[in-house]
N, C-alpha and C. Protein backbone atom coordinates (compact mmCIF):
# COMPACT_ATOMS: atom_id res chain seq x y z
N UNK A 1 0.83 -1.04 0.00
CA UNK A 1 -0.01 -0.01 0.03
C UNK A 1 0.90 1.39 -0.04
N UNK A 2 0.44 2.16 -0.78
CA UNK A 2 1.29 3.50 -0.91
C UNK A 2 1.41 4.15 0.44
N UNK A 3 2.22 5.03 0.68
CA UNK A 3 2.40 5.97 1.87
C UNK A 3 1.17 6.79 1.97
N UNK A 4 0.70 7.42 0.97
CA UNK A 4 -0.54 8.23 0.78
C UNK A 4 -1.84 7.67 1.34
N UNK A 5 -1.69 6.12 0.83
CA UNK A 5 -2.89 5.44 1.37
C UNK A 5 -2.91 5.37 2.86
N UNK A 6 -1.78 4.86 3.26
CA UNK A 6 -1.66 4.50 4.54
C UNK A 6 -2.00 5.45 5.49
N UNK A 7 -1.58 6.96 4.91
CA UNK A 7 -1.72 8.17 5.99
C UNK A 7 -3.35 8.29 5.79
N UNK A 8 -3.86 8.13 4.57
CA UNK A 8 -5.32 8.35 4.52
C UNK A 8 -6.20 7.19 5.33
N UNK A 9 -5.70 6.05 5.49
CA UNK A 9 -5.99 4.97 6.12
C UNK A 9 -6.19 5.62 7.65
N UNK A 10 -5.01 5.91 8.20
CA UNK A 10 -4.97 6.33 9.53
C UNK A 10 -5.78 7.46 9.77
N UNK A 11 -6.06 8.43 9.00
CA UNK A 11 -6.80 9.72 9.11
C UNK A 11 -8.29 9.18 9.29
N UNK A 12 -8.64 8.10 8.50
CA UNK A 12 -10.03 7.65 8.50
C UNK A 12 -10.38 7.08 9.67
N UNK A 13 -9.39 6.28 10.27
CA UNK A 13 -9.54 5.61 11.64
C UNK A 13 -9.68 6.69 12.67
N UNK A 14 -8.95 7.56 12.58
CA UNK A 14 -9.15 8.62 13.67
C UNK A 14 -10.40 9.27 13.73
N UNK A 15 -10.76 9.74 12.51
CA UNK A 15 -12.16 10.47 12.25
C UNK A 15 -13.50 9.45 12.57
N UNK A 16 -13.12 8.19 12.59
CA UNK A 16 -14.35 7.14 12.79
C UNK A 16 -15.43 7.26 12.38
N UNK A 17 -16.55 6.95 12.63
CA UNK A 17 -17.91 6.88 12.02
C UNK A 17 -18.31 8.05 11.16
N UNK A 18 -17.97 9.05 11.53
CA UNK A 18 -18.40 10.54 11.05
C UNK A 18 -17.95 10.36 9.60
N UNK A 19 -16.66 10.24 9.11
CA UNK A 19 -16.36 10.19 7.74
C UNK A 19 -17.13 9.29 7.06
N UNK A 20 -17.44 7.93 7.58
CA UNK A 20 -18.18 6.94 6.88
C UNK A 20 -19.56 7.27 6.75
N UNK A 21 -20.21 8.10 7.67
CA UNK A 21 -21.52 8.41 7.41
C UNK A 21 -21.52 9.57 6.51
N UNK A 22 -20.83 10.47 6.31
CA UNK A 22 -20.65 11.69 5.62
C UNK A 22 -20.51 11.07 4.10
N UNK A 23 -19.63 10.10 4.04
CA UNK A 23 -19.26 9.71 2.53
C UNK A 23 -20.20 8.83 2.18
N UNK A 24 -20.96 8.24 2.73
CA UNK A 24 -21.96 7.14 2.16
C UNK A 24 -23.43 7.98 1.76
N UNK A 25 -23.74 9.15 2.27
CA UNK A 25 -25.06 9.76 2.09
C UNK A 25 -25.56 9.52 0.78
N UNK A 26 -26.54 8.87 0.32
CA UNK A 26 -27.17 8.65 -0.96
C UNK A 26 -25.92 8.60 -2.23
N UNK A 27 -24.85 7.97 -2.01
CA UNK A 27 -23.91 7.57 -2.93
C UNK A 27 -24.46 6.14 -3.58
N UNK A 28 -24.30 6.23 -5.05
CA UNK A 28 -24.59 5.06 -5.72
C UNK A 28 -23.18 4.35 -6.27
N UNK A 29 -23.16 3.25 -5.90
CA UNK A 29 -21.87 2.56 -6.31
C UNK A 29 -22.37 1.45 -7.34
N UNK A 30 -21.70 1.23 -8.36
CA UNK A 30 -21.44 -0.06 -9.39
C UNK A 30 -20.63 -0.95 -9.00
N UNK A 31 -20.98 -2.25 -8.60
CA UNK A 31 -20.01 -3.41 -8.25
C UNK A 31 -20.04 -4.36 -9.50
N UNK A 32 -18.96 -4.43 -10.05
CA UNK A 32 -18.74 -5.22 -11.25
C UNK A 32 -17.98 -6.54 -11.11
N UNK A 33 -18.38 -7.82 -10.68
CA UNK A 33 -17.61 -8.96 -10.43
C UNK A 33 -18.35 -9.95 -10.89
N UNK A 34 -17.78 -10.99 -11.81
CA UNK A 34 -18.50 -12.10 -12.31
C UNK A 34 -18.66 -13.22 -11.22
N UNK A 35 -18.11 -13.21 -10.25
CA UNK A 35 -18.44 -14.07 -8.89
C UNK A 35 -19.92 -13.44 -8.34
N UNK A 36 -20.82 -14.36 -8.34
CA UNK A 36 -22.05 -14.07 -7.93
C UNK A 36 -22.19 -13.68 -6.42
N UNK A 37 -21.34 -14.53 -5.57
CA UNK A 37 -21.46 -14.49 -4.18
C UNK A 37 -20.63 -13.39 -3.74
N UNK A 38 -19.61 -12.77 -4.40
CA UNK A 38 -18.91 -11.88 -3.87
C UNK A 38 -19.52 -10.39 -4.44
N UNK A 39 -19.99 -10.45 -5.48
CA UNK A 39 -20.81 -9.36 -6.05
C UNK A 39 -22.07 -9.10 -5.10
N UNK A 40 -22.75 -9.96 -4.83
CA UNK A 40 -24.06 -9.87 -3.93
C UNK A 40 -23.50 -9.51 -2.50
N UNK A 41 -22.54 -9.95 -2.02
CA UNK A 41 -22.02 -10.01 -0.71
C UNK A 41 -21.49 -8.16 -0.66
N UNK A 42 -20.80 -7.94 -1.55
CA UNK A 42 -20.35 -6.48 -1.61
C UNK A 42 -21.62 -5.53 -1.63
N UNK A 43 -22.51 -5.77 -2.60
CA UNK A 43 -23.72 -4.94 -2.62
C UNK A 43 -24.34 -4.84 -1.04
N UNK A 44 -24.62 -5.77 -0.66
CA UNK A 44 -25.15 -5.98 0.61
C UNK A 44 -24.47 -5.26 1.72
N UNK A 45 -22.94 -5.34 1.68
CA UNK A 45 -22.26 -4.49 2.85
C UNK A 45 -22.51 -3.06 2.47
N UNK A 46 -22.21 -2.61 1.11
CA UNK A 46 -22.43 -1.34 0.72
C UNK A 46 -23.86 -0.79 1.36
N UNK A 47 -24.76 -1.63 1.21
CA UNK A 47 -26.18 -1.12 1.38
C UNK A 47 -26.21 -0.68 3.18
N UNK A 48 -25.51 -1.82 3.72
CA UNK A 48 -25.57 -1.52 5.06
C UNK A 48 -24.73 -0.33 5.66
N UNK A 49 -23.72 0.03 4.86
CA UNK A 49 -22.99 1.19 5.06
C UNK A 49 -23.52 2.47 4.44
N UNK A 50 -24.64 2.38 4.00
CA UNK A 50 -25.66 3.44 3.47
C UNK A 50 -25.47 4.01 1.85
N UNK A 51 -24.63 3.31 1.37
CA UNK A 51 -24.44 3.30 -0.20
C UNK A 51 -25.90 2.72 -0.81
N UNK A 52 -25.87 3.13 -2.06
CA UNK A 52 -27.03 2.52 -2.77
C UNK A 52 -26.08 1.56 -3.77
N UNK A 53 -26.24 0.41 -3.87
CA UNK A 53 -25.30 -0.51 -4.48
C UNK A 53 -26.12 -1.32 -5.67
N UNK A 54 -25.53 -1.31 -6.70
CA UNK A 54 -25.92 -2.08 -7.97
C UNK A 54 -24.84 -3.06 -8.40
N UNK A 55 -25.43 -3.88 -8.99
CA UNK A 55 -24.11 -4.92 -9.59
C UNK A 55 -24.37 -5.39 -10.83
N UNK A 56 -23.38 -5.65 -11.64
CA UNK A 56 -23.30 -6.27 -13.06
C UNK A 56 -22.18 -7.42 -12.93
N UNK A 57 -22.59 -8.44 -13.69
CA UNK A 57 -21.74 -9.51 -13.54
C UNK A 57 -20.57 -9.74 -14.88
N UNK A 58 -20.45 -8.71 -15.50
CA UNK A 58 -19.44 -8.46 -16.56
C UNK A 58 -19.09 -7.03 -16.65
N UNK A 59 -18.08 -6.86 -17.51
CA UNK A 59 -17.77 -5.62 -17.88
C UNK A 59 -18.37 -4.97 -19.04
N UNK A 60 -18.69 -5.70 -19.84
CA UNK A 60 -19.88 -5.17 -21.03
C UNK A 60 -21.04 -4.56 -20.42
N UNK A 61 -21.69 -5.28 -19.50
CA UNK A 61 -22.93 -4.90 -18.78
C UNK A 61 -22.66 -3.57 -17.95
N UNK A 62 -21.51 -3.76 -17.33
CA UNK A 62 -21.24 -2.63 -16.37
C UNK A 62 -21.17 -1.29 -17.18
N UNK A 63 -20.41 -1.35 -18.18
CA UNK A 63 -20.15 -0.19 -19.05
C UNK A 63 -21.32 0.32 -19.75
N UNK A 64 -22.30 -0.66 -20.04
CA UNK A 64 -23.56 -0.26 -20.58
C UNK A 64 -24.41 0.34 -19.58
N UNK A 65 -24.41 0.10 -18.50
CA UNK A 65 -25.14 0.71 -17.30
C UNK A 65 -24.67 1.97 -17.15
N UNK A 66 -23.34 2.12 -17.09
CA UNK A 66 -22.83 3.59 -17.16
C UNK A 66 -23.22 4.54 -18.25
N UNK A 67 -23.26 3.90 -19.41
CA UNK A 67 -23.71 4.88 -20.41
C UNK A 67 -25.17 5.05 -20.40
N UNK A 68 -26.01 4.23 -20.07
CA UNK A 68 -27.42 4.48 -19.93
C UNK A 68 -27.81 5.08 -18.64
N UNK A 69 -27.06 5.46 -17.67
CA UNK A 69 -27.27 6.07 -16.52
C UNK A 69 -27.69 7.61 -16.79
N UNK A 70 -28.62 8.21 -16.27
CA UNK A 70 -29.08 9.59 -16.31
C UNK A 70 -28.33 10.47 -15.63
N UNK A 71 -27.88 11.29 -15.91
CA UNK A 71 -26.79 12.32 -15.29
C UNK A 71 -27.12 12.63 -13.89
N UNK A 72 -28.70 12.59 -13.66
CA UNK A 72 -29.01 13.17 -12.28
C UNK A 72 -28.95 11.95 -11.31
N UNK A 73 -28.69 10.70 -11.74
CA UNK A 73 -28.57 9.53 -10.98
C UNK A 73 -27.21 8.93 -11.28
N UNK A 74 -26.35 9.70 -11.60
CA UNK A 74 -25.04 9.09 -11.96
C UNK A 74 -24.30 8.37 -10.75
N UNK A 75 -23.59 7.38 -11.02
CA UNK A 75 -22.91 6.59 -10.04
C UNK A 75 -21.65 7.49 -9.36
N UNK A 76 -21.37 7.28 -8.10
CA UNK A 76 -20.59 7.97 -7.41
C UNK A 76 -19.38 7.15 -7.30
N UNK A 77 -19.22 5.76 -7.63
CA UNK A 77 -17.94 5.04 -7.95
C UNK A 77 -18.35 3.71 -8.51
N UNK A 78 -17.21 2.94 -8.47
CA UNK A 78 -17.26 1.54 -9.12
C UNK A 78 -16.16 0.62 -8.32
N UNK A 79 -16.71 -0.59 -7.81
CA UNK A 79 -15.74 -1.52 -7.43
C UNK A 79 -15.78 -2.40 -8.53
N UNK A 80 -14.46 -2.71 -9.02
CA UNK A 80 -14.27 -3.52 -10.13
C UNK A 80 -13.26 -4.65 -10.22
N UNK A 81 -13.78 -5.92 -10.22
CA UNK A 81 -12.83 -7.17 -10.16
C UNK A 81 -11.86 -6.87 -11.66
N UNK A 82 -10.83 -7.10 -11.32
CA UNK A 82 -9.68 -7.16 -12.37
C UNK A 82 -9.55 -8.46 -13.25
N UNK A 83 -10.00 -9.57 -12.56
CA UNK A 83 -9.72 -10.87 -13.37
C UNK A 83 -10.92 -11.44 -13.78
N UNK A 84 -11.62 -10.87 -14.86
CA UNK A 84 -12.87 -11.33 -15.47
C UNK A 84 -12.69 -11.84 -16.59
N UNK A 85 -13.59 -12.87 -17.11
CA UNK A 85 -13.61 -13.17 -18.47
C UNK A 85 -14.22 -12.30 -19.39
N UNK A 86 -14.32 -12.48 -20.65
CA UNK A 86 -14.60 -11.73 -21.70
C UNK A 86 -14.03 -10.15 -22.01
N UNK A 87 -14.28 -9.31 -21.10
CA UNK A 87 -13.72 -8.05 -20.95
C UNK A 87 -13.03 -7.89 -19.72
N UNK A 88 -11.79 -7.73 -19.76
CA UNK A 88 -10.74 -7.77 -18.49
C UNK A 88 -10.93 -6.46 -17.77
N UNK A 89 -10.58 -6.54 -16.48
CA UNK A 89 -10.59 -5.35 -15.83
C UNK A 89 -9.71 -4.11 -16.24
N UNK A 90 -8.52 -4.42 -16.91
CA UNK A 90 -7.80 -3.38 -17.42
C UNK A 90 -8.40 -2.77 -18.64
N UNK A 91 -9.10 -3.44 -19.37
CA UNK A 91 -9.86 -2.85 -20.42
C UNK A 91 -10.94 -1.87 -20.11
N UNK A 92 -11.83 -2.36 -18.90
CA UNK A 92 -12.59 -1.64 -18.31
C UNK A 92 -12.03 -0.61 -17.79
N UNK A 93 -11.18 -0.52 -17.00
CA UNK A 93 -10.36 0.59 -16.44
C UNK A 93 -10.02 1.83 -17.43
N UNK A 94 -9.49 1.04 -18.67
CA UNK A 94 -9.03 2.27 -19.59
C UNK A 94 -10.39 2.89 -20.12
N UNK A 95 -11.57 2.10 -20.24
CA UNK A 95 -12.73 2.84 -20.71
C UNK A 95 -13.17 3.89 -19.66
N UNK A 96 -13.10 3.52 -18.39
CA UNK A 96 -13.63 4.44 -17.28
C UNK A 96 -12.84 5.53 -17.28
N UNK A 97 -11.25 5.48 -17.59
CA UNK A 97 -10.59 6.65 -17.62
C UNK A 97 -10.93 7.50 -18.62
N UNK A 98 -10.94 6.91 -20.08
CA UNK A 98 -11.44 7.68 -20.89
C UNK A 98 -12.90 8.23 -21.10
N UNK A 99 -13.88 7.64 -20.74
CA UNK A 99 -15.26 7.99 -20.96
C UNK A 99 -16.02 8.42 -19.51
N UNK A 100 -15.29 8.02 -18.45
CA UNK A 100 -16.11 8.44 -16.93
C UNK A 100 -14.96 8.72 -16.20
N UNK A 101 -14.17 9.74 -16.42
CA UNK A 101 -12.88 10.16 -15.49
C UNK A 101 -13.47 10.60 -14.21
N UNK A 102 -14.72 10.97 -14.04
CA UNK A 102 -15.05 11.69 -12.81
C UNK A 102 -15.62 10.51 -11.60
N UNK A 103 -15.80 9.26 -12.21
CA UNK A 103 -16.28 8.20 -11.34
C UNK A 103 -15.01 7.46 -10.94
N UNK A 104 -14.80 7.51 -9.69
CA UNK A 104 -13.55 6.75 -9.09
C UNK A 104 -13.61 5.34 -8.95
N UNK A 105 -12.74 4.58 -9.26
CA UNK A 105 -12.74 3.10 -9.03
C UNK A 105 -11.82 2.58 -8.17
N UNK A 106 -12.45 1.73 -7.46
CA UNK A 106 -11.46 0.71 -6.41
C UNK A 106 -11.46 -0.48 -7.24
N UNK A 107 -10.27 -1.18 -7.55
CA UNK A 107 -10.27 -2.34 -8.18
C UNK A 107 -9.94 -3.57 -7.16
N UNK A 108 -10.46 -4.74 -7.32
CA UNK A 108 -10.42 -5.89 -6.56
C UNK A 108 -9.59 -7.18 -7.32
N UNK A 109 -9.09 -8.06 -6.57
CA UNK A 109 -8.40 -9.21 -7.22
C UNK A 109 -8.26 -10.17 -6.27
N UNK A 110 -7.83 -11.30 -6.31
CA UNK A 110 -7.39 -12.39 -5.46
C UNK A 110 -5.66 -12.09 -5.47
N UNK A 111 -5.25 -12.62 -4.42
CA UNK A 111 -3.74 -12.61 -4.19
C UNK A 111 -3.01 -12.74 -5.38
N UNK A 112 -3.11 -13.98 -5.93
CA UNK A 112 -2.29 -14.00 -7.07
C UNK A 112 -2.16 -13.06 -8.36
N UNK A 113 -3.13 -12.29 -8.21
CA UNK A 113 -3.45 -11.19 -9.35
C UNK A 113 -2.93 -9.89 -8.76
N UNK A 114 -2.12 -9.87 -7.67
CA UNK A 114 -1.77 -8.60 -7.13
C UNK A 114 -0.84 -7.84 -7.93
N UNK A 115 -0.23 -8.18 -8.94
CA UNK A 115 0.47 -7.31 -9.82
C UNK A 115 -0.62 -6.66 -10.83
N UNK A 116 -1.82 -7.33 -11.10
CA UNK A 116 -2.80 -6.53 -12.01
C UNK A 116 -3.33 -5.49 -11.10
N UNK A 117 -3.52 -5.55 -9.66
CA UNK A 117 -4.03 -4.53 -8.94
C UNK A 117 -3.07 -3.32 -9.08
N UNK A 118 -1.86 -3.65 -8.76
CA UNK A 118 -0.77 -2.38 -8.86
C UNK A 118 -0.80 -1.95 -10.01
N UNK A 119 -0.79 -2.45 -11.32
CA UNK A 119 -0.75 -1.98 -12.72
C UNK A 119 -2.15 -0.91 -12.63
N UNK A 120 -3.07 -1.58 -12.17
CA UNK A 120 -4.38 -0.88 -12.22
C UNK A 120 -4.27 0.55 -11.66
N UNK A 121 -3.69 0.53 -10.45
CA UNK A 121 -3.57 1.96 -9.56
C UNK A 121 -2.65 2.89 -10.37
N UNK A 122 -1.43 2.10 -11.10
CA UNK A 122 -0.50 3.00 -11.87
C UNK A 122 -1.43 3.38 -13.14
N UNK A 123 -2.45 3.06 -13.57
CA UNK A 123 -2.92 3.27 -14.97
C UNK A 123 -4.06 4.61 -14.33
N UNK A 124 -4.82 4.08 -13.46
CA UNK A 124 -5.76 5.23 -13.12
C UNK A 124 -6.60 4.91 -11.88
N UNK A 125 -6.58 3.68 -11.45
CA UNK A 125 -7.63 3.25 -10.33
C UNK A 125 -7.34 4.06 -9.03
N UNK A 126 -8.17 4.48 -8.14
CA UNK A 126 -7.95 5.28 -7.15
C UNK A 126 -7.43 4.33 -5.77
N UNK A 127 -7.74 3.07 -5.67
CA UNK A 127 -7.45 2.23 -4.73
C UNK A 127 -7.54 0.77 -5.22
N UNK A 128 -6.90 -0.25 -4.56
CA UNK A 128 -7.25 -1.48 -4.60
C UNK A 128 -7.29 -2.20 -3.46
N UNK A 129 -8.01 -3.30 -3.48
CA UNK A 129 -8.18 -4.43 -2.37
C UNK A 129 -8.01 -5.72 -2.74
N UNK A 130 -7.43 -6.47 -1.89
CA UNK A 130 -7.04 -8.09 -2.22
C UNK A 130 -8.28 -8.74 -1.69
N UNK A 131 -8.72 -9.74 -2.32
CA UNK A 131 -9.82 -10.50 -2.23
C UNK A 131 -9.19 -11.79 -1.39
N UNK A 132 -9.52 -12.57 -0.38
CA UNK A 132 -10.93 -12.20 0.36
C UNK A 132 -10.86 -10.88 0.98
N UNK A 133 -11.92 -10.11 0.87
CA UNK A 133 -12.03 -8.77 1.16
C UNK A 133 -12.09 -8.79 2.66
N UNK A 134 -11.35 -7.73 3.26
CA UNK A 134 -11.25 -7.24 4.78
C UNK A 134 -12.39 -6.34 4.62
N UNK A 135 -13.49 -6.64 5.49
CA UNK A 135 -14.55 -5.74 5.39
C UNK A 135 -14.39 -4.42 6.00
N UNK A 136 -13.62 -4.33 7.10
CA UNK A 136 -13.28 -2.95 7.52
C UNK A 136 -12.37 -1.96 6.64
N UNK A 137 -11.48 -2.70 5.93
CA UNK A 137 -10.62 -2.12 5.03
C UNK A 137 -11.42 -1.60 3.78
N UNK A 138 -12.33 -2.70 3.39
CA UNK A 138 -13.20 -2.28 2.48
C UNK A 138 -14.17 -1.06 2.78
N UNK A 139 -14.66 -1.00 3.73
CA UNK A 139 -15.63 0.11 4.25
C UNK A 139 -14.70 1.38 4.30
N UNK A 140 -13.64 1.49 4.97
CA UNK A 140 -12.93 2.67 5.03
C UNK A 140 -12.35 3.04 3.67
N UNK A 141 -12.12 2.26 2.75
CA UNK A 141 -11.61 2.63 1.52
C UNK A 141 -12.91 3.18 0.50
N UNK A 142 -13.94 2.42 0.60
CA UNK A 142 -15.15 3.01 0.09
C UNK A 142 -15.64 4.55 0.64
N UNK A 143 -15.56 4.45 1.75
CA UNK A 143 -15.67 5.93 2.40
C UNK A 143 -14.83 7.10 2.00
N UNK A 144 -13.55 6.70 1.99
CA UNK A 144 -12.53 7.56 1.20
C UNK A 144 -12.75 7.89 -0.03
N UNK A 145 -12.60 6.99 -0.94
CA UNK A 145 -12.72 6.96 -2.45
C UNK A 145 -13.95 7.73 -2.88
N UNK A 146 -15.07 7.13 -2.27
CA UNK A 146 -16.51 7.60 -2.91
C UNK A 146 -17.08 8.66 -2.05
N UNK A 147 -16.20 9.52 -1.52
CA UNK A 147 -16.73 10.47 -0.87
C UNK A 147 -17.44 11.76 -1.32
N UNK A 148 -17.31 11.67 -2.71
CA UNK A 148 -17.99 12.87 -3.55
C UNK A 148 -17.06 13.83 -3.83
N UNK A 149 -15.62 13.60 -3.52
CA UNK A 149 -14.63 14.69 -4.13
C UNK A 149 -14.06 14.02 -5.21
N UNK A 150 -13.73 15.04 -6.32
CA UNK A 150 -12.87 14.41 -7.40
C UNK A 150 -11.84 13.51 -7.04
N UNK A 151 -11.77 12.37 -8.16
CA UNK A 151 -10.71 11.65 -7.79
C UNK A 151 -9.35 12.07 -7.90
N UNK A 152 -8.36 11.79 -6.85
CA UNK A 152 -6.97 12.55 -7.03
C UNK A 152 -6.22 11.23 -7.29
N UNK A 153 -4.86 11.69 -7.95
CA UNK A 153 -3.89 10.72 -8.05
C UNK A 153 -2.81 10.92 -6.95
N UNK A 154 -2.61 9.79 -6.36
CA UNK A 154 -1.67 9.64 -5.17
C UNK A 154 -0.36 9.33 -5.56
N UNK A 155 0.11 9.32 -6.91
CA UNK A 155 1.43 8.46 -7.20
C UNK A 155 2.31 9.70 -7.28
């Protein structure tokens, strides 16, 4: 994890529940993951934390959902699995960077794909998290990244 991410993580812990409550107020998040159990679990967790979560099981439908979204109900962020069949996470991330640069992205993958996660952050993703997901860390990263402020590059 980068130094800036660690500092941000420590700051969120010090601020406690207030930052989590503020960050999640009516924020709509798109979860794109081909694994049904993970996608449904993440959507459920996001809903418990006060986010409005919607899921797609592949990158093509995820990008289509973004393209069809009314600007008044635009997504505040995306959680994206990097190791998906058909349209992989890096291709989706590149599309996000080109077509939806105001929507921050947290990328996810299992430990064997840690290099994909690091490359995704180098390309443009705001954060990454390794599966199996640590729920507390996921909550803190979602609160930080999807807070409603424009994405920042911490590289």
